Amino acid sequence: MAEWRKVFADGKISKSELDFLQELKSNAKTSVQKLDDLIKDCEKAQGT
């Protein structure tokens, strides 16, 4: 995360950079939800 702070340290964030970050966030939420679902399925299969 510190690397991103260096990139945006100048305070000049373009619309495309902001769009990119918002897309990453959206994809991350979806991926986390899918991972949660997968873990639940594996727990059910294990009987835990």
C-alpha atoms as a PDB file:
ATOM      1  CA  MET A   1       0.000   0.000   0.000  1.00  0.00           C
ATOM      2  CA  ALA A   2       2.878   2.349   0.683  1.00  0.00           C
ATOM      3  CA  GLU A   3       3.882   2.127  -2.972  1.00  0.00           C
ATOM      4  CA  TRP A   4       0.495   3.517  -4.011  1.00  0.00           C
ATOM      5  CA  ARG A   5       0.938   6.406  -1.637  1.00  0.00           C
ATOM      6  CA  LYS A   6       4.183   7.292  -3.385  1.00  0.00           C
ATOM      7  CA  VAL A   7       2.456   7.223  -6.775  1.00  0.00           C
ATOM      8  CA  PHE A   8      -0.283   9.594  -5.638  1.00  0.00           C
ATOM      9  CA  ALA A   9       1.894  11.679  -3.310  1.00  0.00           C
ATOM     10  CA  ASP A  10       1.851  14.651  -5.664  1.00  0.00           C
ATOM     11  CA  GLY A  11      -1.906  14.936  -5.182  1.00  0.00           C
ATOM     12  CA  LYS A  12      -2.552  14.781  -8.926  1.00  0.00           C
ATOM     13  CA  ILE A  13      -4.908  11.887  -9.507  1.00  0.00           C
ATOM     14  CA  SER A  14      -6.402  11.505 -12.947  1.00  0.00           C
ATOM     15  CA  LYS A  15      -9.928  10.292 -13.597  1.00  0.00           C
ATOM     16  CA  SER A  16      -8.546   7.091 -15.144  1.00  0.00           C
ATOM     17  CA  GLU A  17      -6.402   6.423 -12.063  1.00  0.00           C
ATOM     18  CA  LEU A  18      -9.411   6.892  -9.804  1.00  0.00           C
ATOM     19  CA  ASP A  19     -11.507   4.655 -12.062  1.00  0.00           C
ATOM     20  CA  PHE A  20      -8.777   2.004 -11.874  1.00  0.00           C
ATOM     21  CA  LEU A  21      -8.737   2.093  -8.081  1.00  0.00           C
ATOM     22  CA  GLN A  22     -12.517   1.862  -7.913  1.00  0.00           C
ATOM     23  CA  GLU A  23     -12.464  -1.105 -10.286  1.00  0.00           C
ATOM     24  CA  LEU A  24      -9.847  -2.827  -8.117  1.00  0.00           C
ATOM     25  CA  LYS A  25     -12.020  -2.280  -5.066  1.00  0.00           C
ATOM     26  CA  SER A  26     -15.073  -3.664  -6.822  1.00  0.00           C
ATOM     27  CA  ASN A  27     -13.186  -6.726  -8.032  1.00  0.00           C
ATOM     28  CA  ALA A  28     -11.674  -7.267  -4.600  1.00  0.00           C
ATOM     29  CA  LYS A  29     -15.108  -7.290  -2.958  1.00  0.00           C
ATOM     30  CA  THR A  30     -16.354  -9.817  -5.494  1.00  0.00           C
ATOM     31  CA  SER A  31     -13.267 -11.995  -5.070  1.00  0.00           C
ATOM     32  CA  VAL A  32     -13.523 -11.931  -1.291  1.00  0.00           C
ATOM     33  CA  GLN A  33     -17.186 -12.921  -1.459  1.00  0.00           C
ATOM     34  CA  LYS A  34     -16.359 -15.805  -3.793  1.00  0.00           C
ATOM     35  CA  LEU A  35     -13.558 -16.894  -1.454  1.00  0.00           C
ATOM     36  CA  ASP A  36     -15.938 -16.755   1.516  1.00  0.00           C
ATOM     37  CA  ASP A  37     -18.419 -18.914  -0.417  1.00  0.00           C
ATOM     38  CA  LEU A  38     -15.692 -21.399  -1.331  1.00  0.00           C
ATOM     39  CA  ILE A  39     -14.557 -21.653   2.297  1.00  0.00           C
ATOM     40  CA  LYS A  40     -18.143 -22.264   3.425  1.00  0.00           C
ATOM     41  CA  ASP A  41     -18.566 -25.006   0.807  1.00  0.00           C
ATOM     42  CA  CYS A  42     -15.312 -26.658   1.906  1.00  0.00           C
ATOM     43  CA  GLU A  43     -16.347 -26.469   5.559  1.00  0.00           C
ATOM     44  CA  LYS A  44     -19.675 -28.105   4.703  1.00  0.00           C
ATOM     45  CA  ALA A  45     -17.898 -30.841   2.775  1.00  0.00           C
ATOM     46  CA  GLN A  46     -15.633 -31.444   5.789  1.00  0.00           C
ATOM     47  CA  GLY A  47     -18.561 -31.425   8.160  1.00  0.00           C
ATOM     48  CA  THR A  48     -17.293 -28.513  10.231  1.00  0.00           C
END
